[in-house]
Amino acid sequence: FLVACPVRVRGKKNFEKGRAYIVT
């Protein structure tokens, strides 16, 4: 916010709760 770079995150629904993933 301070450096004026708004962040957009998409696709969080692709993480199944309770399961581990390797994120590349």
PDB file of all heavy atoms in Angstrom:
ATOM      1  N   PHE A   1       0.835  -1.202   0.000  1.00  0.00           N
ATOM      2  CA  PHE A   1       0.000   0.000   0.000  1.00  0.00           C
ATOM      3  C   PHE A   1       0.873   1.256   0.000  1.00  0.00           C
ATOM      4  O   PHE A   1       0.628   2.203  -0.753  1.00  0.00           O
ATOM      5  CB  PHE A   1      -0.918  -0.001   1.223  1.00  0.00           C
ATOM      6  CG  PHE A   1      -1.688   1.274   1.407  1.00  0.00           C
ATOM      7  CD1 PHE A   1      -2.828   1.530   0.652  1.00  0.00           C
ATOM      8  CD2 PHE A   1      -1.269   2.230   2.330  1.00  0.00           C
ATOM      9  CE1 PHE A   1      -3.534   2.723   0.801  1.00  0.00           C
ATOM     10  CE2 PHE A   1      -1.965   3.421   2.492  1.00  0.00           C
ATOM     11  CZ  PHE A   1      -3.104   3.663   1.727  1.00  0.00           C
ATOM     12  N   LEU A   2       1.911   1.258   0.826  1.00  0.00           N
ATOM     13  CA  LEU A   2       2.783   2.427   0.924  1.00  0.00           C
ATOM     14  C   LEU A   2       3.541   2.700  -0.367  1.00  0.00           C
ATOM     15  O   LEU A   2       3.851   3.859  -0.683  1.00  0.00           O
ATOM     16  CB  LEU A   2       3.773   2.244   2.075  1.00  0.00           C
ATOM     17  CG  LEU A   2       3.181   2.266   3.485  1.00  0.00           C
ATOM     18  CD1 LEU A   2       4.252   1.924   4.515  1.00  0.00           C
ATOM     19  CD2 LEU A   2       2.557   3.624   3.800  1.00  0.00           C
ATOM     20  N   VAL A   3       3.863   1.652  -1.117  1.00  0.00           N
ATOM     21  CA  VAL A   3       4.601   1.853  -2.371  1.00  0.00           C
ATOM     22  C   VAL A   3       3.667   1.878  -3.582  1.00  0.00           C
ATOM     23  O   VAL A   3       4.107   1.803  -4.727  1.00  0.00           O
ATOM     24  CB  VAL A   3       5.701   0.773  -2.560  1.00  0.00           C
ATOM     25  CG1 VAL A   3       6.767   0.908  -1.493  1.00  0.00           C
ATOM     26  CG2 VAL A   3       5.108  -0.644  -2.568  1.00  0.00           C
ATOM     27  N   ALA A   4       2.359   1.995  -3.307  1.00  0.00           N
ATOM     28  CA  ALA A   4       1.346   2.166  -4.370  1.00  0.00           C
ATOM     29  C   ALA A   4       1.322   1.002  -5.351  1.00  0.00           C
ATOM     30  O   ALA A   4       1.191   1.192  -6.564  1.00  0.00           O
ATOM     31  CB  ALA A   4       1.569   3.494  -5.098  1.00  0.00           C
ATOM     32  N   CYS A   5       1.447  -0.213  -4.808  1.00  0.00           N
ATOM     33  CA  CYS A   5       1.365  -1.428  -5.628  1.00  0.00           C
ATOM     34  C   CYS A   5       0.218  -2.293  -5.111  1.00  0.00           C
ATOM     35  O   CYS A   5       0.426  -3.187  -4.270  1.00  0.00           O
ATOM     36  CB  CYS A   5       2.671  -2.212  -5.576  1.00  0.00           C
ATOM     37  SG  CYS A   5       4.056  -1.420  -6.426  1.00  0.00           S
ATOM     38  N   PRO A   6      -1.003  -2.037  -5.567  1.00  0.00           N
ATOM     39  CA  PRO A   6      -2.125  -2.870  -5.126  1.00  0.00           C
ATOM     40  C   PRO A   6      -1.919  -4.319  -5.540  1.00  0.00           C
ATOM     41  O   PRO A   6      -1.368  -4.603  -6.606  1.00  0.00           O
ATOM     42  CB  PRO A   6      -3.334  -2.249  -5.832  1.00  0.00           C
ATOM     43  CG  PRO A   6      -2.767  -1.496  -6.990  1.00  0.00           C
ATOM     44  CD  PRO A   6      -1.412  -1.033  -6.566  1.00  0.00           C
ATOM     45  N   VAL A   7      -2.362  -5.237  -4.692  1.00  0.00           N
ATOM     46  CA  VAL A   7      -2.146  -6.667  -4.917  1.00  0.00           C
ATOM     47  C   VAL A   7      -3.473  -7.351  -5.239  1.00  0.00           C
ATOM     48  O   VAL A   7      -4.477  -7.152  -4.542  1.00  0.00           O
ATOM     49  CB  VAL A   7      -1.511  -7.328  -3.678  1.00  0.00           C
ATOM     50  CG1 VAL A   7      -1.427  -8.847  -3.853  1.00  0.00           C
ATOM     51  CG2 VAL A   7      -0.120  -6.747  -3.434  1.00  0.00           C
ATOM     52  N   ARG A   8      -3.466  -8.152  -6.271  1.00  0.00           N
ATOM     53  CA  ARG A   8      -4.639  -8.956  -6.635  1.00  0.00           C
ATOM     54  C   ARG A   8      -4.253 -10.422  -6.588  1.00  0.00           C
ATOM     55  O   ARG A   8      -3.268 -10.826  -7.215  1.00  0.00           O
ATOM     56  CB  ARG A   8      -5.138  -8.596  -8.030  1.00  0.00           C
ATOM     57  CG  ARG A   8      -6.390  -9.369  -8.447  1.00  0.00           C
ATOM     58  CD  ARG A   8      -6.803  -8.995  -9.853  1.00  0.00           C
ATOM     59  NE  ARG A   8      -8.050  -9.649 -10.245  1.00  0.00           N
ATOM     60  CZ  ARG A   8      -8.586  -9.589 -11.458  1.00  0.00           C
ATOM     61  NH1 ARG A   8      -7.975  -8.890 -12.411  1.00  0.00           N
ATOM     62  NH2 ARG A   8      -9.722 -10.200 -11.734  1.00  0.00           N
ATOM     63  N   VAL A   9      -5.005 -11.208  -5.849  1.00  0.00           N
ATOM     64  CA  VAL A   9      -4.760 -12.651  -5.725  1.00  0.00           C
ATOM     65  C   VAL A   9      -5.952 -13.390  -6.324  1.00  0.00           C
ATOM     66  O   VAL A   9      -7.104 -13.132  -5.965  1.00  0.00           O
ATOM     67  CB  VAL A   9      -4.578 -13.051  -4.245  1.00  0.00           C
ATOM     68  CG1 VAL A   9      -4.303 -14.555  -4.138  1.00  0.00           C
ATOM     69  CG2 VAL A   9      -3.445 -12.257  -3.608  1.00  0.00           C
ATOM     70  N   ARG A  10      -5.678 -14.307  -7.235  1.00  0.00           N
ATOM     71  CA  ARG A  10      -6.739 -15.105  -7.853  1.00  0.00           C
ATOM     72  C   ARG A  10      -6.450 -16.588  -7.682  1.00  0.00           C
ATOM     73  O   ARG A  10      -5.289 -17.005  -7.644  1.00  0.00           O
ATOM     74  CB  ARG A  10      -6.865 -14.779  -9.349  1.00  0.00           C
ATOM     75  CG  ARG A  10      -7.266 -13.342  -9.653  1.00  0.00           C
ATOM     76  CD  ARG A  10      -7.388 -13.088 -11.145  1.00  0.00           C
ATOM     77  NE  ARG A  10      -8.405 -13.932 -11.762  1.00  0.00           N
ATOM     78  CZ  ARG A  10      -8.696 -13.916 -13.067  1.00  0.00           C
ATOM     79  NH1 ARG A  10      -8.031 -13.106 -13.887  1.00  0.00           N
ATOM     80  NH2 ARG A  10      -9.628 -14.705 -13.539  1.00  0.00           N
ATOM     81  N   GLY A  11      -7.498 -17.395  -7.586  1.00  0.00           N
ATOM     82  CA  GLY A  11      -7.354 -18.841  -7.594  1.00  0.00           C
ATOM     83  C   GLY A  11      -7.148 -19.481  -6.246  1.00  0.00           C
ATOM     84  O   GLY A  11      -6.753 -20.657  -6.168  1.00  0.00           O
ATOM     85  N   LYS A  12      -7.450 -18.772  -5.153  1.00  0.00           N
ATOM     86  CA  LYS A  12      -7.285 -19.376  -3.827  1.00  0.00           C
ATOM     87  C   LYS A  12      -8.186 -20.590  -3.636  1.00  0.00           C
ATOM     88  O   LYS A  12      -7.880 -21.479  -2.839  1.00  0.00           O
ATOM     89  CB  LYS A  12      -7.549 -18.338  -2.729  1.00  0.00           C
ATOM     90  CG  LYS A  12      -6.475 -17.269  -2.630  1.00  0.00           C
ATOM     91  CD  LYS A  12      -6.626 -16.412  -1.396  1.00  0.00           C
ATOM     92  CE  LYS A  12      -7.830 -15.500  -1.498  1.00  0.00           C
ATOM     93  NZ  LYS A  12      -7.917 -14.580  -0.331  1.00  0.00           N
ATOM     94  N   LYS A  13      -9.248 -20.641  -4.395  1.00  0.00           N
ATOM     95  CA  LYS A  13     -10.180 -21.770  -4.307  1.00  0.00           C
ATOM     96  C   LYS A  13      -9.534 -23.078  -4.770  1.00  0.00           C
ATOM     97  O   LYS A  13     -10.053 -24.169  -4.486  1.00  0.00           O
ATOM     98  CB  LYS A  13     -11.426 -21.497  -5.147  1.00  0.00           C
ATOM     99  CG  LYS A  13     -11.178 -21.442  -6.648  1.00  0.00           C
ATOM    100  CD  LYS A  13     -12.457 -21.191  -7.415  1.00  0.00           C
ATOM    101  CE  LYS A  13     -12.269 -21.291  -8.920  1.00  0.00           C
ATOM    102  NZ  LYS A  13     -11.269 -20.366  -9.460  1.00  0.00           N
ATOM    103  N   ASN A  14      -8.414 -22.995  -5.460  1.00  0.00           N
ATOM    104  CA  ASN A  14      -7.742 -24.206  -5.941  1.00  0.00           C
ATOM    105  C   ASN A  14      -6.979 -24.945  -4.835  1.00  0.00           C
ATOM    106  O   ASN A  14      -6.487 -26.045  -5.062  1.00  0.00           O
ATOM    107  CB  ASN A  14      -6.785 -23.852  -7.086  1.00  0.00           C
ATOM    108  CG  ASN A  14      -7.534 -23.481  -8.360  1.00  0.00           C
ATOM    109  OD1 ASN A  14      -8.524 -24.130  -8.718  1.00  0.00           O
ATOM    110  ND2 ASN A  14      -7.084 -22.439  -9.036  1.00  0.00           N
ATOM    111  N   PHE A  15      -6.893 -24.336  -3.653  1.00  0.00           N
ATOM    112  CA  PHE A  15      -6.267 -24.999  -2.512  1.00  0.00           C
ATOM    113  C   PHE A  15      -7.331 -25.731  -1.706  1.00  0.00           C
ATOM    114  O   PHE A  15      -8.235 -25.107  -1.149  1.00  0.00           O
ATOM    115  CB  PHE A  15      -5.574 -23.968  -1.609  1.00  0.00           C
ATOM    116  CG  PHE A  15      -4.313 -23.391  -2.191  1.00  0.00           C
ATOM    117  CD1 PHE A  15      -4.379 -22.353  -3.106  1.00  0.00           C
ATOM    118  CD2 PHE A  15      -3.073 -23.882  -1.814  1.00  0.00           C
ATOM    119  CE1 PHE A  15      -3.225 -21.800  -3.638  1.00  0.00           C
ATOM    120  CE2 PHE A  15      -1.910 -23.343  -2.341  1.00  0.00           C
ATOM    121  CZ  PHE A  15      -1.984 -22.297  -3.264  1.00  0.00           C
ATOM    122  N   GLU A  16      -7.232 -27.040  -1.660  1.00  0.00           N
ATOM    123  CA  GLU A  16      -8.161 -27.844  -0.850  1.00  0.00           C
ATOM    124  C   GLU A  16      -7.724 -27.773   0.605  1.00  0.00           C
ATOM    125  O   GLU A  16      -6.562 -28.028   0.931  1.00  0.00           O
ATOM    126  CB  GLU A  16      -8.154 -29.290  -1.332  1.00  0.00           C
ATOM    127  CG  GLU A  16      -9.102 -30.205  -0.581  1.00  0.00           C
ATOM    128  CD  GLU A  16      -9.005 -31.633  -1.056  1.00  0.00           C
ATOM    129  OE1 GLU A  16      -8.680 -31.842  -2.251  1.00  0.00           O
ATOM    130  OE2 GLU A  16      -9.231 -32.548  -0.228  1.00  0.00           O
ATOM    131  N   LYS A  17      -8.647 -27.417   1.470  1.00  0.00           N
ATOM    132  CA  LYS A  17      -8.318 -27.254   2.883  1.00  0.00           C
ATOM    133  C   LYS A  17      -7.785 -28.569   3.453  1.00  0.00           C
ATOM    134  O   LYS A  17      -8.323 -29.645   3.207  1.00  0.00           O
ATOM    135  CB  LYS A  17      -9.556 -26.812   3.661  1.00  0.00           C
ATOM    136  CG  LYS A  17      -9.251 -26.418   5.094  1.00  0.00           C
ATOM    137  CD  LYS A  17     -10.484 -25.847   5.784  1.00  0.00           C
ATOM    138  CE  LYS A  17     -10.165 -25.431   7.209  1.00  0.00           C
ATOM    139  NZ  LYS A  17     -11.346 -24.853   7.907  1.00  0.00           N
ATOM    140  N   GLY A  18      -6.705 -28.471   4.214  1.00  0.00           N
ATOM    141  CA  GLY A  18      -6.118 -29.638   4.855  1.00  0.00           C
ATOM    142  C   GLY A  18      -5.162 -30.425   3.981  1.00  0.00           C
ATOM    143  O   GLY A  18      -4.663 -31.473   4.410  1.00  0.00           O
ATOM    144  N   ARG A  19      -4.885 -29.940   2.768  1.00  0.00           N
ATOM    145  CA  ARG A  19      -3.985 -30.657   1.869  1.00  0.00           C
ATOM    146  C   ARG A  19      -2.765 -29.797   1.551  1.00  0.00           C
ATOM    147  O   ARG A  19      -2.872 -28.588   1.354  1.00  0.00           O
ATOM    148  CB  ARG A  19      -4.701 -31.010   0.568  1.00  0.00           C
ATOM    149  CG  ARG A  19      -3.856 -31.874  -0.367  1.00  0.00           C
ATOM    150  CD  ARG A  19      -4.693 -32.510  -1.448  1.00  0.00           C
ATOM    151  NE  ARG A  19      -3.945 -33.543  -2.138  1.00  0.00           N
ATOM    152  CZ  ARG A  19      -4.433 -34.304  -3.112  1.00  0.00           C
ATOM    153  NH1 ARG A  19      -5.703 -34.144  -3.489  1.00  0.00           N
ATOM    154  NH2 ARG A  19      -3.687 -35.226  -3.683  1.00  0.00           N
ATOM    155  N   ALA A  20      -1.616 -30.419   1.516  1.00  0.00           N
ATOM    156  CA  ALA A  20      -0.380 -29.704   1.207  1.00  0.00           C
ATOM    157  C   ALA A  20      -0.123 -29.731  -0.298  1.00  0.00           C
ATOM    158  O   ALA A  20      -0.421 -30.714  -0.981  1.00  0.00           O
ATOM    159  CB  ALA A  20       0.798 -30.336   1.948  1.00  0.00           C
ATOM    160  N   TYR A  21       0.459 -28.645  -0.798  1.00  0.00           N
ATOM    161  CA  TYR A  21       0.786 -28.526  -2.223  1.00  0.00           C
ATOM    162  C   TYR A  21       2.207 -28.005  -2.391  1.00  0.00           C
ATOM    163  O   TYR A  21       2.755 -27.341  -1.500  1.00  0.00           O
ATOM    164  CB  TYR A  21      -0.170 -27.559  -2.923  1.00  0.00           C
ATOM    165  CG  TYR A  21      -1.608 -28.007  -2.978  1.00  0.00           C
ATOM    166  CD1 TYR A  21      -2.499 -27.633  -1.975  1.00  0.00           C
ATOM    167  CD2 TYR A  21      -2.090 -28.792  -4.018  1.00  0.00           C
ATOM    168  CE1 TYR A  21      -3.822 -28.033  -1.998  1.00  0.00           C
ATOM    169  CE2 TYR A  21      -3.410 -29.201  -4.056  1.00  0.00           C
ATOM    170  CZ  TYR A  21      -4.277 -28.815  -3.050  1.00  0.00           C
ATOM    171  OH  TYR A  21      -5.591 -29.225  -3.080  1.00  0.00           O
ATOM    172  N   ILE A  22       2.771 -28.280  -3.554  1.00  0.00           N
ATOM    173  CA  ILE A  22       3.988 -27.615  -3.988  1.00  0.00           C
ATOM    174  C   ILE A  22       3.554 -26.510  -4.939  1.00  0.00           C
ATOM    175  O   ILE A  22       2.898 -26.772  -5.952  1.00  0.00           O
ATOM    176  CB  ILE A  22       4.939 -28.604  -4.697  1.00  0.00           C
ATOM    177  CG1 ILE A  22       5.392 -29.693  -3.722  1.00  0.00           C
ATOM    178  CG2 ILE A  22       6.148 -27.856  -5.270  1.00  0.00           C
ATOM    179  CD1 ILE A  22       6.093 -30.860  -4.394  1.00  0.00           C
ATOM    180  N   VAL A  23       3.875 -25.279  -4.590  1.00  0.00           N
ATOM    181  CA  VAL A  23       3.482 -24.119  -5.394  1.00  0.00           C
ATOM    182  C   VAL A  23       4.695 -23.662  -6.202  1.00  0.00           C
ATOM    183  O   VAL A  23       5.725 -23.295  -5.633  1.00  0.00           O
ATOM    184  CB  VAL A  23       2.972 -22.973  -4.503  1.00  0.00           C
ATOM    185  CG1 VAL A  23       2.509 -21.790  -5.364  1.00  0.00           C
ATOM    186  CG2 VAL A  23       1.841 -23.451  -3.599  1.00  0.00           C
ATOM    187  N   THR A  24       4.580 -23.709  -7.524  1.00  0.00           N
ATOM    188  CA  THR A  24       5.691 -23.314  -8.389  1.00  0.00           C
ATOM    189  C   THR A  24       5.402 -21.935  -8.975  1.00  0.00           C
ATOM    190  O   THR A  24       4.376 -21.725  -9.612  1.00  0.00           O
ATOM    191  CB  THR A  24       5.921 -24.320  -9.524  1.00  0.00           C
ATOM    192  OG1 THR A  24       4.715 -24.499 -10.275  1.00  0.00           O
ATOM    193  CG2 THR A  24       6.362 -25.668  -8.965  1.00  0.00           C
TER     194      THR A  24
END
